[in-house]
Amino acid sequence: MPPREFLMIPGPTPVPDAVLQAIARHPIGHRTADFSRVLREVVNGLKELGETNNDVFVLTSSGTGAMEAAIANTVGAGDKVLSLVQGVFSERWAKISEAYGGKVERLKVEAGETIEPAAVARKLKDDPEIKVVTITHNETSTGVINDLEGIAKVVKEHGAISIVDGVTSFGACPVSIDKWGVDVLVTGSQKALMLPPGLGFIFVGPKAWEAHARCKSPRFYFDFAKYRKSLEADTTPFTPNVSFVAGMKVALGLIAEEGTQAVFARHERMKSALRAGITAMGLELFVNGPHGSPTITAIVPPKHISVDAIRKKLRERHRILIADGQDDLKGRIFRIGHMGYVFDRDILMTLAALETVLTDLGYACPPGKAVSEAVAVLNQLSSLFG
């Protein structure tokens, strides 16, 4: 009997048993008081996690569906949009904006680089007609995280609205929506929130509602107004995935039980331990330094070993899944996820398995050094964070 497959990819991520059990129960009616209570608890839990009083809507869709909802409700034909592009997912904002008639300008940096707030400020100063700025907080395709607080600040000073992809950051690191002045933030269920794919979440602030009132883009399923009216009655405008909403209630309870600061600290430990182990193997990190993502690490393979070979061996020998690069980075990097329901054991297991695989493929790994270095980091950070 083969062991279960273990997900160390950027999503979907491992799901706690308690969440799986909640999802597996017989569904409740979506127009019942029981569901309304569950939905309200989920909405309140998401608000607390995002440190916001803004509206938050639960969509039965992927995170990309929530991204489209954000644009459909704020960007009209001819509206000037500045898209901050540094990889696949930040480029997706630009493509969605163009699909809705937005006049898109891209502020683009090389894959693996960050978007600097000062560069955004210069762009906005040069074009006062920009109405919307799309931002990817954590670029999953490369493993780099941006200074969202700094970028949101310059967008607010300009007077545009900020629309943020928080799919692989929300729930894994601090995202203070109100304090930072973020106008719209979207995220998804299958990342740090520890559910399977299928729910999108969108936070909508006052300035976004002003844009919604002006926006003439056609929309139906994703119309903010429908969701706000329904949420006033603790329901949804269309049939939701009631089982996943029930699972989300349990997942938010687990986050609250661990404590949000402890969750954030755990993600930092996982990131630091994995990177220490990877470096100890003599491998190159695609993104180094303080802008490395807390949830995904991209790694350059040894020159004579293909990404496909590494991924195939890990899956066949150890039943561990890691991800390839995307688009131009396909075959040039491999990516290991460490978000959501991931702990010390999982990092050490993945490093040990990767060492054996690379050794089998002819790469000279210092035996045991990766795990040893990772353990040292875990011990050090555990004492610092408690």
Protein backbone atom coordinates (compact mmCIF):
# COMPACT_ATOMS: atom_id res chain seq x y z
CA MET A 1 0.00 0.00 0.00
CA PRO A 2 1.64 3.31 -1.04
CA PRO A 3 1.80 6.15 1.49
CA ARG A 4 -0.51 9.07 0.91
CA GLU A 5 0.77 11.75 -1.39
CA PHE A 6 2.13 14.76 0.48
CA LEU A 7 1.62 18.26 -0.87
CA MET A 8 4.61 20.58 -0.65
CA ILE A 9 3.38 22.74 -3.52
CA PRO A 10 2.10 26.33 -3.58
CA GLY A 11 -1.47 25.04 -3.41
CA PRO A 12 -3.58 23.19 -2.77
CA THR A 13 -2.00 22.71 0.62
CA PRO A 14 -2.49 20.04 3.31
CA VAL A 15 -5.89 20.15 5.04
CA PRO A 16 -6.32 19.39 8.78
CA ASP A 17 -8.40 16.33 9.66
CA ALA A 18 -10.89 18.46 11.61
CA VAL A 19 -11.55 20.54 8.49
CA LEU A 20 -11.94 17.42 6.32
CA GLN A 21 -14.42 16.02 8.83
CA ALA A 22 -16.46 19.23 8.75
CA ILE A 23 -16.53 19.19 4.95
CA ALA A 24 -17.55 15.51 4.89
CA ARG A 25 -20.68 16.00 6.99
CA HIS A 26 -24.08 16.03 5.33
CA PRO A 27 -24.60 19.54 3.88
CA ILE A 28 -27.06 21.91 5.52
CA GLY A 29 -29.55 24.05 3.63
CA HIS A 30 -28.08 27.30 2.40
CA ARG A 31 -31.26 29.23 3.21
CA THR A 32 -31.46 28.11 6.82
CA ALA A 33 -30.68 29.80 10.11
CA ASP A 34 -28.01 27.16 10.73
CA PHE A 35 -26.09 28.16 7.62
CA SER A 36 -26.54 31.87 8.38
CA ARG A 37 -24.85 31.37 11.74
CA VAL A 38 -21.93 29.54 10.15
CA LEU A 39 -21.54 32.19 7.43
CA ARG A 40 -21.56 35.02 9.98
CA GLU A 41 -18.88 33.28 12.04
CA VAL A 42 -16.73 32.86 8.94
CA VAL A 43 -17.16 36.50 7.90
CA ASN A 44 -16.30 37.71 11.40
CA GLY A 45 -13.28 35.40 11.57
CA LEU A 46 -11.96 36.65 8.23
CA LYS A 47 -12.40 40.25 9.32
CA GLU A 48 -10.45 39.58 12.50
CA LEU A 49 -7.65 37.84 10.59
CA GLY A 50 -7.46 40.75 8.11
CA GLU A 51 -7.74 43.39 10.86
CA THR A 52 -10.58 45.14 9.06
CA ASN A 53 -14.10 46.45 9.38
CA ASN A 54 -14.59 46.33 5.61
CA ASP A 55 -17.19 44.15 3.94
CA VAL A 56 -16.00 40.62 3.17
CA PHE A 57 -17.80 38.35 0.73
CA VAL A 58 -17.54 34.59 0.36
CA LEU A 59 -17.56 33.48 -3.27
CA THR A 60 -17.88 29.94 -4.54
CA SER A 61 -15.00 30.27 -6.97
CA SER A 62 -11.25 30.06 -7.17
CA GLY A 63 -9.05 32.97 -6.16
CA THR A 64 -9.02 34.02 -9.82
CA GLY A 65 -12.80 34.35 -9.65
CA ALA A 66 -12.36 36.76 -6.75
CA MET A 67 -9.76 38.64 -8.82
CA GLU A 68 -12.22 38.99 -11.68
CA ALA A 69 -14.92 40.18 -9.25
CA ALA A 70 -12.55 42.88 -7.99
CA ILE A 71 -11.96 44.20 -11.51
CA ALA A 72 -15.55 43.78 -12.76
CA ASN A 73 -16.80 46.02 -9.95
CA THR A 74 -14.18 48.77 -10.16
CA VAL A 75 -12.72 49.02 -13.68
CA GLY A 76 -14.71 50.34 -16.61
CA ALA A 77 -13.88 50.77 -20.28
CA GLY A 78 -11.10 53.32 -20.69
CA ASP A 79 -10.18 53.50 -16.99
CA LYS A 80 -6.44 53.79 -16.48
CA VAL A 81 -4.99 50.89 -14.51
CA LEU A 82 -1.42 50.51 -13.28
CA SER A 83 -0.54 46.83 -12.92
CA LEU A 84 2.56 45.98 -10.91
CA VAL A 85 3.99 42.97 -12.73
CA GLN A 86 6.73 40.63 -11.54
CA GLY A 87 5.47 37.19 -12.50
CA VAL A 88 2.56 35.06 -13.65
CA PHE A 89 -0.02 36.07 -11.06
CA SER A 90 0.67 39.79 -11.10
CA GLU A 91 0.39 39.66 -14.91
CA ARG A 92 -3.03 38.03 -14.45
CA TRP A 93 -4.31 41.28 -12.94
CA ALA A 94 -3.31 43.13 -16.09
CA LYS A 95 -5.01 40.58 -18.34
CA ILE A 96 -8.26 40.67 -16.36
CA SER A 97 -8.23 44.48 -16.36
CA GLU A 98 -7.76 44.51 -20.14
CA ALA A 99 -10.65 42.05 -20.53
CA TYR A 100 -12.90 44.62 -18.86
CA GLY A 101 -11.73 47.46 -21.08
CA GLY A 102 -9.17 48.95 -18.74
CA LYS A 103 -6.33 50.94 -20.26
CA VAL A 104 -3.48 49.10 -18.60
CA GLU A 105 0.06 50.26 -18.03
CA ARG A 106 2.49 47.75 -16.57
CA LEU A 107 5.21 48.61 -14.10
CA LYS A 108 7.34 45.54 -14.66
CA VAL A 109 10.43 44.15 -12.95
CA GLU A 110 12.40 40.99 -13.57
CA ALA A 111 11.12 37.74 -12.12
CA GLY A 112 12.30 37.40 -8.54
CA GLU A 113 12.57 41.15 -7.95
CA THR A 114 10.28 43.25 -5.76
CA ILE A 115 8.17 46.25 -6.69
CA GLU A 116 9.54 49.26 -4.83
CA PRO A 117 7.01 51.77 -3.41
CA ALA A 118 9.16 54.64 -4.70
CA ALA A 119 8.89 53.32 -8.26
CA VAL A 120 5.10 53.15 -7.89
CA ALA A 121 5.05 56.70 -6.57
CA ARG A 122 7.00 57.93 -9.61
CA LYS A 123 4.61 56.23 -12.01
CA LEU A 124 1.59 57.68 -10.28
CA LYS A 125 3.11 61.16 -10.23
CA ASP A 126 3.72 60.93 -13.98
CA ASP A 127 0.10 59.98 -14.67
CA PRO A 128 -2.48 61.53 -12.33
CA GLU A 129 -5.31 59.89 -14.30
CA ILE A 130 -4.52 56.39 -13.01
CA LYS A 131 -7.59 55.22 -11.11
CA VAL A 132 -6.65 51.69 -10.06
CA VAL A 133 -3.41 49.99 -9.03
CA THR A 134 -3.28 46.20 -8.99
CA ILE A 135 -0.80 44.62 -6.61
CA THR A 136 0.27 41.05 -5.93
CA HIS A 137 1.39 40.89 -2.33
CA ASN A 138 3.16 37.55 -2.65
CA GLU A 139 4.19 36.44 -6.14
CA THR A 140 3.76 32.68 -6.04
CA SER A 141 5.51 32.03 -9.35
CA THR A 142 8.86 33.29 -8.02
CA GLY A 143 8.66 33.30 -4.22
CA VAL A 144 8.98 37.02 -3.58
CA ILE A 145 6.88 39.20 -1.27
CA ASN A 146 6.30 42.92 -1.76
CA ASP A 147 6.09 45.76 0.75
CA LEU A 148 2.29 45.97 0.57
CA GLU A 149 2.06 48.52 3.34
CA GLY A 150 4.46 50.87 1.54
CA ILE A 151 2.83 50.43 -1.86
CA ALA A 152 -0.70 50.89 -0.50
CA LYS A 153 0.42 54.10 1.18
CA VAL A 154 1.63 55.74 -2.05
CA VAL A 155 -1.48 54.56 -3.91
CA LYS A 156 -3.67 56.13 -1.25
CA GLU A 157 -1.71 59.40 -1.40
CA HIS A 158 -2.25 59.49 -5.16
CA GLY A 159 -6.00 58.94 -4.79
CA ALA A 160 -6.25 55.71 -6.78
CA ILE A 161 -7.69 52.52 -5.33
CA SER A 162 -5.50 49.55 -4.47
CA ILE A 163 -6.60 46.08 -5.52
CA VAL A 164 -4.51 43.34 -3.94
CA ASP A 165 -3.94 39.66 -4.58
CA GLY A 166 -3.42 38.22 -1.11
CA VAL A 167 -4.01 34.62 -2.16
CA THR A 168 -0.72 33.25 -0.84
CA SER A 169 -0.08 35.78 1.91
CA PHE A 170 -3.39 36.15 3.75
CA GLY A 171 -3.37 33.95 6.84
CA ALA A 172 0.37 33.33 6.67
CA CYS A 173 1.77 36.77 7.46
CA PRO A 174 0.40 40.08 8.77
CA VAL A 175 -2.06 41.79 6.43
CA SER A 176 -3.58 44.79 8.16
CA ILE A 177 -6.19 45.91 5.64
CA ASP A 178 -7.55 48.99 7.40
CA LYS A 179 -4.27 50.21 8.88
CA TRP A 180 -2.47 49.90 5.55
CA GLY A 181 -5.31 51.47 3.59
CA VAL A 182 -5.93 48.53 1.22
CA ASP A 183 -9.16 49.12 -0.73
CA VAL A 184 -9.78 45.62 -2.13
CA LEU A 185 -8.08 42.38 -1.16
CA VAL A 186 -8.80 38.92 -2.55
CA THR A 187 -7.70 35.54 -1.31
CA GLY A 188 -8.57 31.87 -1.72
CA SER A 189 -9.36 28.85 0.40
CA GLN A 190 -6.63 26.44 -0.70
CA LYS A 191 -3.54 28.22 0.61
CA ALA A 192 -2.81 29.36 4.16
CA LEU A 193 -6.51 29.06 5.07
CA MET A 194 -6.17 25.25 4.91
CA LEU A 195 -9.15 24.22 2.78
CA PRO A 196 -9.35 22.50 -0.60
CA PRO A 197 -9.79 24.78 -3.63
CA GLY A 198 -13.27 26.20 -4.15
CA LEU A 199 -13.85 29.37 -2.15
CA GLY A 200 -12.72 32.90 -2.91
CA PHE A 201 -12.88 35.75 -0.41
CA ILE A 202 -12.95 39.45 -1.17
CA PHE A 203 -12.61 42.41 1.18
CA VAL A 204 -14.17 45.65 -0.08
CA GLY A 205 -13.49 49.08 1.44
CA PRO A 206 -15.28 52.45 1.17
CA LYS A 207 -13.22 53.79 -1.76
CA ALA A 208 -13.90 50.59 -3.69
CA TRP A 209 -17.62 51.11 -3.14
CA GLU A 210 -17.26 54.58 -4.65
CA ALA A 211 -15.59 53.02 -7.69
CA HIS A 212 -18.34 50.41 -7.84
CA ALA A 213 -20.97 53.14 -8.01
CA ARG A 214 -19.21 54.69 -11.04
CA CYS A 215 -18.28 51.44 -12.78
CA LYS A 216 -20.45 50.45 -15.76
CA SER A 217 -18.80 47.10 -16.50
CA PRO A 218 -21.32 44.28 -17.01
CA ARG A 219 -21.52 41.77 -14.16
CA PHE A 220 -24.03 39.42 -12.64
CA TYR A 221 -22.68 36.54 -10.52
CA PHE A 222 -19.83 38.70 -9.21
CA ASP A 223 -21.80 41.90 -8.50
CA PHE A 224 -20.68 43.33 -5.15
CA ALA A 225 -24.11 44.88 -4.58
CA LYS A 226 -25.79 41.47 -4.62
CA TYR A 227 -23.35 40.11 -2.06
CA ARG A 228 -23.69 43.09 0.26
CA LYS A 229 -27.48 42.95 0.19
CA SER A 230 -27.46 39.21 0.92
CA LEU A 231 -24.85 39.49 3.65
CA GLU A 232 -27.10 41.92 5.51
CA ALA A 233 -29.37 38.90 5.96
CA ASP A 234 -26.43 36.56 6.70
CA THR A 235 -26.76 34.71 3.43
CA THR A 236 -25.34 34.67 -0.11
CA PRO A 237 -26.98 35.74 -3.38
CA PHE A 238 -26.39 32.38 -5.04
CA THR A 239 -25.96 28.79 -3.88
CA PRO A 240 -22.66 28.61 -1.98
CA ASN A 241 -20.45 25.63 -1.26
CA VAL A 242 -22.02 25.11 2.16
CA SER A 243 -19.65 22.26 3.05
CA PHE A 244 -16.56 24.38 2.42
CA VAL A 245 -18.02 27.30 4.39
CA ALA A 246 -18.49 24.87 7.30
CA GLY A 247 -14.88 23.77 6.84
CA MET A 248 -13.74 27.39 6.80
CA LYS A 249 -15.37 27.94 10.18
CA VAL A 250 -13.29 25.08 11.61
CA ALA A 251 -10.09 26.27 9.92
CA LEU A 252 -10.50 29.79 11.31
CA GLY A 253 -11.08 28.25 14.72
CA LEU A 254 -7.79 26.36 14.46
CA ILE A 255 -5.98 29.57 13.49
CA ALA A 256 -7.53 31.40 16.43
CA GLU A 257 -6.61 28.54 18.78
CA GLU A 258 -2.97 28.61 17.68
CA GLY A 259 -3.00 32.43 17.72
CA THR A 260 -2.45 34.56 14.65
CA GLN A 261 0.97 35.78 15.76
CA ALA A 262 2.03 32.20 16.43
CA VAL A 263 0.78 31.22 12.96
CA PHE A 264 2.81 34.01 11.37
CA ALA A 265 5.88 33.05 13.40
CA ARG A 266 5.48 29.41 12.36
CA HIS A 267 5.51 30.39 8.70
CA GLU A 268 8.69 32.39 9.25
CA ARG A 269 10.29 29.37 10.94
CA MET A 270 9.32 27.05 8.11
CA LYS A 271 10.69 29.48 5.54
CA SER A 272 13.97 30.02 7.38
CA ALA A 273 14.54 26.34 8.09
CA LEU A 274 13.84 25.25 4.52
CA ARG A 275 16.12 27.92 3.10
CA ALA A 276 18.89 27.02 5.52
CA GLY A 277 18.64 23.39 4.43
CA ILE A 278 18.57 24.24 0.73
CA THR A 279 21.65 26.46 1.10
CA ALA A 280 23.42 23.71 3.06
CA MET A 281 22.92 21.42 0.05
CA GLY A 282 24.80 23.94 -2.07
CA LEU A 283 21.69 24.88 -4.06
CA GLU A 284 20.86 28.42 -5.15
CA LEU A 285 17.75 30.22 -3.91
CA PHE A 286 15.97 32.04 -6.72
CA VAL A 287 15.03 34.86 -4.32
CA ASN A 288 17.41 35.60 -1.48
CA GLY A 289 17.32 38.15 1.30
CA PRO A 290 14.46 39.77 3.22
CA HIS A 291 11.98 39.70 0.33
CA GLY A 292 11.78 35.92 0.27
CA SER A 293 8.20 34.71 0.52
CA PRO A 294 7.00 33.26 3.84
CA THR A 295 4.93 30.67 1.97
CA ILE A 296 6.84 29.54 -1.14
CA THR A 297 10.53 29.04 -1.91
CA ALA A 298 11.89 28.82 -5.46
CA ILE A 299 15.12 26.90 -5.99
CA VAL A 300 17.52 26.65 -8.92
CA PRO A 301 18.38 23.00 -9.70
CA PRO A 302 21.95 21.78 -10.15
CA LYS A 303 23.11 22.49 -13.70
CA HIS A 304 23.20 18.89 -14.84
CA ILE A 305 19.87 17.80 -13.28
CA SER A 306 16.46 18.69 -14.69
CA VAL A 307 13.53 19.94 -12.67
CA ASP A 308 11.41 17.18 -14.19
CA ALA A 309 13.81 14.53 -12.91
CA ILE A 310 13.80 15.96 -9.38
CA ARG A 311 10.01 16.20 -9.25
CA LYS A 312 9.53 12.73 -10.73
CA LYS A 313 11.93 11.08 -8.29
CA LEU A 314 10.43 12.85 -5.28
CA ARG A 315 6.96 11.73 -6.24
CA GLU A 316 7.83 8.15 -7.16
CA ARG A 317 10.21 7.43 -4.30
CA HIS A 318 8.72 9.53 -1.48
CA ARG A 319 5.21 10.51 -2.65
CA ILE A 320 6.11 14.18 -2.12
CA LEU A 321 4.86 16.75 -4.63
CA ILE A 322 6.77 19.92 -5.42
CA ALA A 323 6.08 22.38 -8.25
CA ASP A 324 7.82 23.34 -11.46
CA GLY A 325 8.39 26.94 -12.50
CA GLN A 326 5.78 28.64 -14.67
CA ASP A 327 5.94 30.22 -18.13
CA ASP A 328 9.51 31.44 -18.76
CA LEU A 329 10.68 29.84 -15.52
CA LYS A 330 9.38 26.37 -16.38
CA GLY A 331 12.27 23.94 -16.05
CA ARG A 332 14.51 26.65 -14.60
CA ILE A 333 13.34 26.50 -10.98
CA PHE A 334 11.38 24.20 -8.71
CA ARG A 335 9.13 25.51 -5.97
CA ILE A 336 8.40 24.17 -2.49
CA GLY A 337 5.35 25.41 -0.63
CA HIS A 338 5.35 25.88 3.13
CA MET A 339 2.01 27.46 3.90
CA GLY A 340 -1.01 26.61 5.99
CA TYR A 341 -0.99 23.25 7.73
CA VAL A 342 2.79 22.75 7.56
CA PHE A 343 5.14 22.13 10.48
CA ASP A 344 8.75 21.30 11.39
CA ARG A 345 8.31 17.62 10.52
CA ASP A 346 7.21 18.47 6.98
CA ILE A 347 10.23 20.67 6.28
CA LEU A 348 12.68 18.12 7.64
CA MET A 349 10.97 15.30 5.74
CA THR A 350 11.12 17.23 2.48
CA LEU A 351 14.78 18.17 2.92
CA ALA A 352 15.78 14.59 3.72
CA ALA A 353 13.84 13.28 0.73
CA LEU A 354 15.29 15.92 -1.58
CA GLU A 355 18.82 15.01 -0.46
CA THR A 356 18.30 11.35 -1.30
CA VAL A 357 16.79 12.21 -4.68
CA LEU A 358 19.59 14.59 -5.65
CA THR A 359 22.17 12.03 -4.55
CA ASP A 360 20.48 9.39 -6.72
CA LEU A 361 20.60 11.81 -9.64
CA GLY A 362 24.35 12.30 -9.25
CA TYR A 363 24.55 15.51 -7.21
CA ALA A 364 27.01 15.46 -4.33
CA CYS A 365 25.01 16.52 -1.28
CA PRO A 366 26.81 16.75 2.06
CA PRO A 367 25.07 13.83 3.86
CA GLY A 368 22.66 15.01 6.55
CA LYS A 369 23.84 18.61 6.47
CA ALA A 370 20.56 20.04 5.15
CA VAL A 371 18.50 18.51 7.94
CA SER A 372 21.12 19.44 10.54
CA GLU A 373 21.13 23.09 9.46
CA ALA A 374 17.34 23.21 9.35
CA VAL A 375 17.07 21.73 12.85
CA ALA A 376 19.48 24.37 14.18
CA VAL A 377 17.34 27.14 12.69
CA LEU A 378 14.11 25.61 14.01
CA ASN A 379 15.58 25.34 17.50
CA GLN A 380 16.87 28.90 17.42
CA LEU A 381 13.62 30.41 16.16
CA SER A 382 11.49 28.29 18.47
CA SER A 383 13.32 29.81 21.43
CA LEU A 384 12.90 33.32 20.00
CA PHE A 385 9.20 32.97 19.23
CA GLY A 386 8.30 30.69 22.11
